[in-house]
Amino acid sequence: KTGHCLNDLLYRWQVGQLGMDLVAVVSNHE
């Protein structure tokens, strides 16, 4: 449920700071 790390990683991926292919996000909550 706590999303600060998720949001930070998504931003860094979006702007090209993390050279990875995001396959999926898995969660036990919606």
PDB file of all heavy atoms in Angstrom:
ATOM      1  N   LYS A   1       0.802  -1.225   0.000  1.00  0.00           N
ATOM      2  CA  LYS A   1       0.000   0.000   0.000  1.00  0.00           C
ATOM      3  C   LYS A   1       0.833   1.274   0.000  1.00  0.00           C
ATOM      4  O   LYS A   1       0.364   2.324  -0.419  1.00  0.00           O
ATOM      5  CB  LYS A   1      -0.932   0.007   1.213  1.00  0.00           C
ATOM      6  CG  LYS A   1      -2.068  -1.002   1.134  1.00  0.00           C
ATOM      7  CD  LYS A   1      -3.014  -0.855   2.327  1.00  0.00           C
ATOM      8  CE  LYS A   1      -4.198  -1.811   2.204  1.00  0.00           C
ATOM      9  NZ  LYS A   1      -5.129  -1.672   3.365  1.00  0.00           N
ATOM     10  N   THR A   2       2.063   1.200   0.495  1.00  0.00           N
ATOM     11  CA  THR A   2       2.909   2.392   0.610  1.00  0.00           C
ATOM     12  C   THR A   2       3.711   2.568  -0.670  1.00  0.00           C
ATOM     13  O   THR A   2       4.474   1.680  -1.049  1.00  0.00           O
ATOM     14  CB  THR A   2       3.851   2.260   1.817  1.00  0.00           C
ATOM     15  OG1 THR A   2       3.069   2.030   2.992  1.00  0.00           O
ATOM     16  CG2 THR A   2       4.675   3.521   1.998  1.00  0.00           C
ATOM     17  N   GLY A   3       3.560   3.721  -1.332  1.00  0.00           N
ATOM     18  CA  GLY A   3       4.049   3.835  -2.702  1.00  0.00           C
ATOM     19  C   GLY A   3       5.226   4.740  -2.970  1.00  0.00           C
ATOM     20  O   GLY A   3       5.554   4.986  -4.136  1.00  0.00           O
ATOM     21  N   HIS A   4       5.940   5.230  -1.936  1.00  0.00           N
ATOM     22  CA  HIS A   4       6.999   6.188  -2.211  1.00  0.00           C
ATOM     23  C   HIS A   4       8.134   5.583  -3.022  1.00  0.00           C
ATOM     24  O   HIS A   4       8.652   6.214  -3.956  1.00  0.00           O
ATOM     25  CB  HIS A   4       7.539   6.806  -0.917  1.00  0.00           C
ATOM     26  CG  HIS A   4       8.013   5.829   0.102  1.00  0.00           C
ATOM     27  ND1 HIS A   4       7.150   5.122   0.900  1.00  0.00           N
ATOM     28  CD2 HIS A   4       9.262   5.437   0.467  1.00  0.00           C
ATOM     29  CE1 HIS A   4       7.840   4.349   1.709  1.00  0.00           C
ATOM     30  NE2 HIS A   4       9.136   4.504   1.466  1.00  0.00           N
ATOM     31  N   CYS A   5       8.528   4.363  -2.711  1.00  0.00           N
ATOM     32  CA  CYS A   5       9.615   3.723  -3.471  1.00  0.00           C
ATOM     33  C   CYS A   5       9.157   3.389  -4.892  1.00  0.00           C
ATOM     34  O   CYS A   5       9.915   3.562  -5.854  1.00  0.00           O
ATOM     35  CB  CYS A   5      10.092   2.471  -2.755  1.00  0.00           C
ATOM     36  SG  CYS A   5      11.052   2.795  -1.255  1.00  0.00           S
ATOM     37  N   LEU A   6       7.940   2.901  -5.022  1.00  0.00           N
ATOM     38  CA  LEU A   6       7.396   2.615  -6.347  1.00  0.00           C
ATOM     39  C   LEU A   6       7.388   3.863  -7.210  1.00  0.00           C
ATOM     40  O   LEU A   6       7.866   3.846  -8.358  1.00  0.00           O
ATOM     41  CB  LEU A   6       5.981   2.059  -6.220  1.00  0.00           C
ATOM     42  CG  LEU A   6       5.209   1.920  -7.536  1.00  0.00           C
ATOM     43  CD1 LEU A   6       5.824   0.840  -8.416  1.00  0.00           C
ATOM     44  CD2 LEU A   6       3.736   1.644  -7.270  1.00  0.00           C
ATOM     45  N   ASN A   7       6.854   4.951  -6.703  1.00  0.00           N
ATOM     46  CA  ASN A   7       6.764   6.177  -7.489  1.00  0.00           C
ATOM     47  C   ASN A   7       8.133   6.723  -7.859  1.00  0.00           C
ATOM     48  O   ASN A   7       8.340   7.216  -8.966  1.00  0.00           O
ATOM     49  CB  ASN A   7       5.960   7.226  -6.712  1.00  0.00           C
ATOM     50  CG  ASN A   7       4.465   7.004  -6.805  1.00  0.00           C
ATOM     51  OD1 ASN A   7       3.873   7.118  -7.867  1.00  0.00           O
ATOM     52  ND2 ASN A   7       3.853   6.672  -5.684  1.00  0.00           N
ATOM     53  N   ASP A   8       9.073   6.621  -6.945  1.00  0.00           N
ATOM     54  CA  ASP A   8      10.431   7.088  -7.231  1.00  0.00           C
ATOM     55  C   ASP A   8      11.063   6.264  -8.348  1.00  0.00           C
ATOM     56  O   ASP A   8      11.668   6.817  -9.279  1.00  0.00           O
ATOM     57  CB  ASP A   8      11.282   7.001  -5.968  1.00  0.00           C
ATOM     58  CG  ASP A   8      12.685   7.535  -6.178  1.00  0.00           C
ATOM     59  OD1 ASP A   8      12.854   8.766  -6.204  1.00  0.00           O
ATOM     60  OD2 ASP A   8      13.612   6.716  -6.343  1.00  0.00           O
ATOM     61  N   LEU A   9      10.915   4.942  -8.291  1.00  0.00           N
ATOM     62  CA  LEU A   9      11.482   4.084  -9.330  1.00  0.00           C
ATOM     63  C   LEU A   9      10.800   4.323 -10.680  1.00  0.00           C
ATOM     64  O   LEU A   9      11.464   4.342 -11.724  1.00  0.00           O
ATOM     65  CB  LEU A   9      11.367   2.617  -8.930  1.00  0.00           C
ATOM     66  CG  LEU A   9      12.235   2.174  -7.759  1.00  0.00           C
ATOM     67  CD1 LEU A   9      11.883   0.751  -7.351  1.00  0.00           C
ATOM     68  CD2 LEU A   9      13.725   2.279  -8.095  1.00  0.00           C
ATOM     69  N   LEU A  10       9.486   4.500 -10.669  1.00  0.00           N
ATOM     70  CA  LEU A  10       8.773   4.770 -11.919  1.00  0.00           C
ATOM     71  C   LEU A  10       9.267   6.072 -12.554  1.00  0.00           C
ATOM     72  O   LEU A  10       9.463   6.143 -13.774  1.00  0.00           O
ATOM     73  CB  LEU A  10       7.266   4.845 -11.667  1.00  0.00           C
ATOM     74  CG  LEU A  10       6.550   3.528 -11.354  1.00  0.00           C
ATOM     75  CD1 LEU A  10       5.075   3.790 -11.052  1.00  0.00           C
ATOM     76  CD2 LEU A  10       6.695   2.532 -12.497  1.00  0.00           C
ATOM     77  N   TYR A  11       9.474   7.088 -11.738  1.00  0.00           N
ATOM     78  CA  TYR A  11       9.966   8.365 -12.277  1.00  0.00           C
ATOM     79  C   TYR A  11      11.372   8.216 -12.852  1.00  0.00           C
ATOM     80  O   TYR A  11      11.655   8.662 -13.976  1.00  0.00           O
ATOM     81  CB  TYR A  11       9.959   9.439 -11.195  1.00  0.00           C
ATOM     82  CG  TYR A  11      10.591  10.729 -11.672  1.00  0.00           C
ATOM     83  CD1 TYR A  11       9.898  11.593 -12.513  1.00  0.00           C
ATOM     84  CD2 TYR A  11      11.899  11.055 -11.319  1.00  0.00           C
ATOM     85  CE1 TYR A  11      10.479  12.760 -12.976  1.00  0.00           C
ATOM     86  CE2 TYR A  11      12.489  12.213 -11.775  1.00  0.00           C
ATOM     87  CZ  TYR A  11      11.773  13.065 -12.611  1.00  0.00           C
ATOM     88  OH  TYR A  11      12.368  14.219 -13.078  1.00  0.00           O
ATOM     89  N   ARG A  12      12.262   7.587 -12.104  1.00  0.00           N
ATOM     90  CA  ARG A  12      13.639   7.425 -12.589  1.00  0.00           C
ATOM     91  C   ARG A  12      13.679   6.582 -13.859  1.00  0.00           C
ATOM     92  O   ARG A  12      14.493   6.847 -14.756  1.00  0.00           O
ATOM     93  CB  ARG A  12      14.506   6.800 -11.491  1.00  0.00           C
ATOM     94  CG  ARG A  12      14.712   7.698 -10.284  1.00  0.00           C
ATOM     95  CD  ARG A  12      15.460   6.966  -9.172  1.00  0.00           C
ATOM     96  NE  ARG A  12      15.459   7.698  -7.930  1.00  0.00           N
ATOM     97  CZ  ARG A  12      16.414   8.564  -7.540  1.00  0.00           C
ATOM     98  NH1 ARG A  12      17.450   8.781  -8.338  1.00  0.00           N
ATOM     99  NH2 ARG A  12      16.332   9.182  -6.387  1.00  0.00           N
ATOM    100  N   TRP A  13      12.832   5.572 -13.942  1.00  0.00           N
ATOM    101  CA  TRP A  13      12.736   4.773 -15.165  1.00  0.00           C
ATOM    102  C   TRP A  13      12.209   5.615 -16.317  1.00  0.00           C
ATOM    103  O   TRP A  13      12.740   5.563 -17.430  1.00  0.00           O
ATOM    104  CB  TRP A  13      11.819   3.580 -14.903  1.00  0.00           C
ATOM    105  CG  TRP A  13      11.362   2.862 -16.134  1.00  0.00           C
ATOM    106  CD1 TRP A  13      12.097   2.003 -16.910  1.00  0.00           C
ATOM    107  CD2 TRP A  13      10.076   2.946 -16.742  1.00  0.00           C
ATOM    108  NE1 TRP A  13      11.332   1.548 -17.971  1.00  0.00           N
ATOM    109  CE2 TRP A  13      10.093   2.110 -17.889  1.00  0.00           C
ATOM    110  CE3 TRP A  13       8.908   3.639 -16.430  1.00  0.00           C
ATOM    111  CZ2 TRP A  13       8.977   1.965 -18.716  1.00  0.00           C
ATOM    112  CZ3 TRP A  13       7.792   3.495 -17.246  1.00  0.00           C
ATOM    113  CH2 TRP A  13       7.844   2.668 -18.380  1.00  0.00           C
ATOM    114  N   GLN A  14      11.180   6.408 -16.048  1.00  0.00           N
ATOM    115  CA  GLN A  14      10.548   7.219 -17.097  1.00  0.00           C
ATOM    116  C   GLN A  14      11.513   8.235 -17.694  1.00  0.00           C
ATOM    117  O   GLN A  14      11.504   8.472 -18.909  1.00  0.00           O
ATOM    118  CB  GLN A  14       9.322   7.935 -16.526  1.00  0.00           C
ATOM    119  CG  GLN A  14       8.499   8.708 -17.559  1.00  0.00           C
ATOM    120  CD  GLN A  14       7.339   9.430 -16.911  1.00  0.00           C
ATOM    121  OE1 GLN A  14       7.519  10.135 -15.911  1.00  0.00           O
ATOM    122  NE2 GLN A  14       6.147   9.243 -17.450  1.00  0.00           N
ATOM    123  N   VAL A  15      12.381   8.835 -16.861  1.00  0.00           N
ATOM    124  CA  VAL A  15      13.299   9.860 -17.359  1.00  0.00           C
ATOM    125  C   VAL A  15      14.628   9.278 -17.808  1.00  0.00           C
ATOM    126  O   VAL A  15      15.544  10.009 -18.172  1.00  0.00           O
ATOM    127  CB  VAL A  15      13.537  10.970 -16.314  1.00  0.00           C
ATOM    128  CG1 VAL A  15      12.236  11.652 -15.958  1.00  0.00           C
ATOM    129  CG2 VAL A  15      14.235  10.423 -15.068  1.00  0.00           C
ATOM    130  N   GLY A  16      14.773   7.958 -17.788  1.00  0.00           N
ATOM    131  CA  GLY A  16      15.962   7.320 -18.324  1.00  0.00           C
ATOM    132  C   GLY A  16      17.107   7.145 -17.361  1.00  0.00           C
ATOM    133  O   GLY A  16      18.227   6.806 -17.773  1.00  0.00           O
ATOM    134  N   GLN A  17      16.876   7.329 -16.059  1.00  0.00           N
ATOM    135  CA  GLN A  17      17.956   7.140 -15.088  1.00  0.00           C
ATOM    136  C   GLN A  17      18.209   5.671 -14.778  1.00  0.00           C
ATOM    137  O   GLN A  17      19.280   5.327 -14.279  1.00  0.00           O
ATOM    138  CB  GLN A  17      17.628   7.883 -13.788  1.00  0.00           C
ATOM    139  CG  GLN A  17      17.677   9.400 -13.905  1.00  0.00           C
ATOM    140  CD  GLN A  17      17.424  10.086 -12.577  1.00  0.00           C
ATOM    141  OE1 GLN A  17      17.336   9.438 -11.528  1.00  0.00           O
ATOM    142  NE2 GLN A  17      17.297  11.403 -12.602  1.00  0.00           N
ATOM    143  N   LEU A  18      17.231   4.827 -15.034  1.00  0.00           N
ATOM    144  CA  LEU A  18      17.370   3.395 -14.780  1.00  0.00           C
ATOM    145  C   LEU A  18      17.156   2.644 -16.086  1.00  0.00           C
ATOM    146  O   LEU A  18      16.038   2.609 -16.621  1.00  0.00           O
ATOM    147  CB  LEU A  18      16.348   2.923 -13.726  1.00  0.00           C
ATOM    148  CG  LEU A  18      16.527   3.490 -12.323  1.00  0.00           C
ATOM    149  CD1 LEU A  18      15.368   3.079 -11.426  1.00  0.00           C
ATOM    150  CD2 LEU A  18      17.847   3.056 -11.707  1.00  0.00           C
ATOM    151  N   GLY A  19      18.233   2.051 -16.609  1.00  0.00           N
ATOM    152  CA  GLY A  19      18.170   1.377 -17.899  1.00  0.00           C
ATOM    153  C   GLY A  19      17.630  -0.033 -17.781  1.00  0.00           C
ATOM    154  O   GLY A  19      18.388  -1.008 -17.866  1.00  0.00           O
ATOM    155  N   MET A  20      16.328  -0.131 -17.560  1.00  0.00           N
ATOM    156  CA  MET A  20      15.700  -1.435 -17.388  1.00  0.00           C
ATOM    157  C   MET A  20      14.375  -1.456 -18.129  1.00  0.00           C
ATOM    158  O   MET A  20      13.793  -0.410 -18.431  1.00  0.00           O
ATOM    159  CB  MET A  20      15.469  -1.718 -15.894  1.00  0.00           C
ATOM    160  CG  MET A  20      14.562  -0.696 -15.210  1.00  0.00           C
ATOM    161  SD  MET A  20      14.517  -0.932 -13.413  1.00  0.00           S
ATOM    162  CE  MET A  20      13.268   0.283 -12.944  1.00  0.00           C
ATOM    163  N   ASP A  21      13.897  -2.658 -18.426  1.00  0.00           N
ATOM    164  CA  ASP A  21      12.571  -2.840 -19.002  1.00  0.00           C
ATOM    165  C   ASP A  21      11.638  -3.290 -17.890  1.00  0.00           C
ATOM    166  O   ASP A  21      11.842  -4.342 -17.287  1.00  0.00           O
ATOM    167  CB  ASP A  21      12.594  -3.888 -20.116  1.00  0.00           C
ATOM    168  CG  ASP A  21      13.296  -3.387 -21.366  1.00  0.00           C
ATOM    169  OD1 ASP A  21      13.375  -2.152 -21.548  1.00  0.00           O
ATOM    170  OD2 ASP A  21      13.773  -4.219 -22.156  1.00  0.00           O
ATOM    171  N   LEU A  22      10.613  -2.476 -17.616  1.00  0.00           N
ATOM    172  CA  LEU A  22       9.657  -2.815 -16.572  1.00  0.00           C
ATOM    173  C   LEU A  22       8.604  -3.753 -17.145  1.00  0.00           C
ATOM    174  O   LEU A  22       7.775  -3.363 -17.956  1.00  0.00           O
ATOM    175  CB  LEU A  22       9.003  -1.552 -16.024  1.00  0.00           C
ATOM    176  CG  LEU A  22       9.747  -0.850 -14.897  1.00  0.00           C
ATOM    177  CD1 LEU A  22       8.968   0.363 -14.412  1.00  0.00           C
ATOM    178  CD2 LEU A  22      10.017  -1.791 -13.745  1.00  0.00           C
ATOM    179  N   VAL A  23       8.660  -4.997 -16.708  1.00  0.00           N
ATOM    180  CA  VAL A  23       7.743  -6.020 -17.199  1.00  0.00           C
ATOM    181  C   VAL A  23       6.370  -5.862 -16.575  1.00  0.00           C
ATOM    182  O   VAL A  23       5.342  -5.940 -17.264  1.00  0.00           O
ATOM    183  CB  VAL A  23       8.302  -7.423 -16.884  1.00  0.00           C
ATOM    184  CG1 VAL A  23       7.284  -8.508 -17.222  1.00  0.00           C
ATOM    185  CG2 VAL A  23       9.603  -7.652 -17.645  1.00  0.00           C
ATOM    186  N   ALA A  24       6.330  -5.642 -15.261  1.00  0.00           N
ATOM    187  CA  ALA A  24       5.057  -5.555 -14.552  1.00  0.00           C
ATOM    188  C   ALA A  24       5.287  -5.024 -13.147  1.00  0.00           C
ATOM    189  O   ALA A  24       6.410  -5.051 -12.624  1.00  0.00           O
ATOM    190  CB  ALA A  24       4.389  -6.936 -14.468  1.00  0.00           C
ATOM    191  N   VAL A  25       4.206  -4.551 -12.551  1.00  0.00           N
ATOM    192  CA  VAL A  25       4.170  -4.252 -11.126  1.00  0.00           C
ATOM    193  C   VAL A  25       3.187  -5.222 -10.491  1.00  0.00           C
ATOM    194  O   VAL A  25       2.049  -5.351 -10.937  1.00  0.00           O
ATOM    195  CB  VAL A  25       3.740  -2.800 -10.848  1.00  0.00           C
ATOM    196  CG1 VAL A  25       3.536  -2.573  -9.350  1.00  0.00           C
ATOM    197  CG2 VAL A  25       4.775  -1.826 -11.393  1.00  0.00           C
ATOM    198  N   VAL A  26       3.640  -5.924  -9.469  1.00  0.00           N
ATOM    199  CA  VAL A  26       2.833  -6.922  -8.767  1.00  0.00           C
ATOM    200  C   VAL A  26       2.509  -6.381  -7.385  1.00  0.00           C
ATOM    201  O   VAL A  26       3.376  -5.836  -6.704  1.00  0.00           O
ATOM    202  CB  VAL A  26       3.585  -8.259  -8.651  1.00  0.00           C
ATOM    203  CG1 VAL A  26       2.798  -9.254  -7.792  1.00  0.00           C
ATOM    204  CG2 VAL A  26       3.851  -8.835 -10.033  1.00  0.00           C
ATOM    205  N   SER A  27       1.251  -6.529  -6.974  1.00  0.00           N
ATOM    206  CA  SER A  27       0.861  -6.052  -5.649  1.00  0.00           C
ATOM    207  C   SER A  27      -0.182  -6.973  -5.039  1.00  0.00           C
ATOM    208  O   SER A  27      -0.978  -7.598  -5.747  1.00  0.00           O
ATOM    209  CB  SER A  27       0.292  -4.631  -5.736  1.00  0.00           C
ATOM    210  OG  SER A  27      -0.072  -4.159  -4.441  1.00  0.00           O
ATOM    211  N   ASN A  28      -0.169  -7.007  -3.712  1.00  0.00           N
ATOM    212  CA  ASN A  28      -1.216  -7.724  -3.005  1.00  0.00           C
ATOM    213  C   ASN A  28      -2.413  -6.831  -2.689  1.00  0.00           C
ATOM    214  O   ASN A  28      -3.351  -7.240  -2.014  1.00  0.00           O
ATOM    215  CB  ASN A  28      -0.667  -8.358  -1.714  1.00  0.00           C
ATOM    216  CG  ASN A  28       0.007  -7.353  -0.805  1.00  0.00           C
ATOM    217  OD1 ASN A  28       0.648  -6.411  -1.263  1.00  0.00           O
ATOM    218  ND2 ASN A  28      -0.107  -7.556   0.500  1.00  0.00           N
ATOM    219  N   HIS A  29      -2.378  -5.611  -3.204  1.00  0.00           N
ATOM    220  CA  HIS A  29      -3.491  -4.667  -3.077  1.00  0.00           C
ATOM    221  C   HIS A  29      -3.721  -3.989  -4.424  1.00  0.00           C
ATOM    222  O   HIS A  29      -2.845  -3.970  -5.290  1.00  0.00           O
ATOM    223  CB  HIS A  29      -3.199  -3.613  -2.004  1.00  0.00           C
ATOM    224  CG  HIS A  29      -3.034  -4.180  -0.627  1.00  0.00           C
ATOM    225  ND1 HIS A  29      -4.095  -4.526   0.172  1.00  0.00           N
ATOM    226  CD2 HIS A  29      -1.907  -4.473   0.078  1.00  0.00           C
ATOM    227  CE1 HIS A  29      -3.642  -5.008   1.326  1.00  0.00           C
ATOM    228  NE2 HIS A  29      -2.310  -4.985   1.297  1.00  0.00           N
ATOM    229  N   GLU A  30      -4.884  -3.357  -4.568  1.00  0.00           N
ATOM    230  CA  GLU A  30      -5.232  -2.654  -5.808  1.00  0.00           C
ATOM    231  C   GLU A  30      -4.828  -1.176  -5.785  1.00  0.00           C
ATOM    232  O   GLU A  30      -5.058  -0.451  -6.747  1.00  0.00           O
ATOM    233  CB  GLU A  30      -6.745  -2.753  -6.051  1.00  0.00           C
ATOM    234  CG  GLU A  30      -7.237  -4.134  -6.445  1.00  0.00           C
ATOM    235  CD  GLU A  30      -7.052  -4.393  -7.938  1.00  0.00           C
ATOM    236  OE1 GLU A  30      -6.451  -3.545  -8.632  1.00  0.00           O
ATOM    237  OE2 GLU A  30      -7.497  -5.452  -8.400  1.00  0.00           O
TER     238      GLU A  30
END
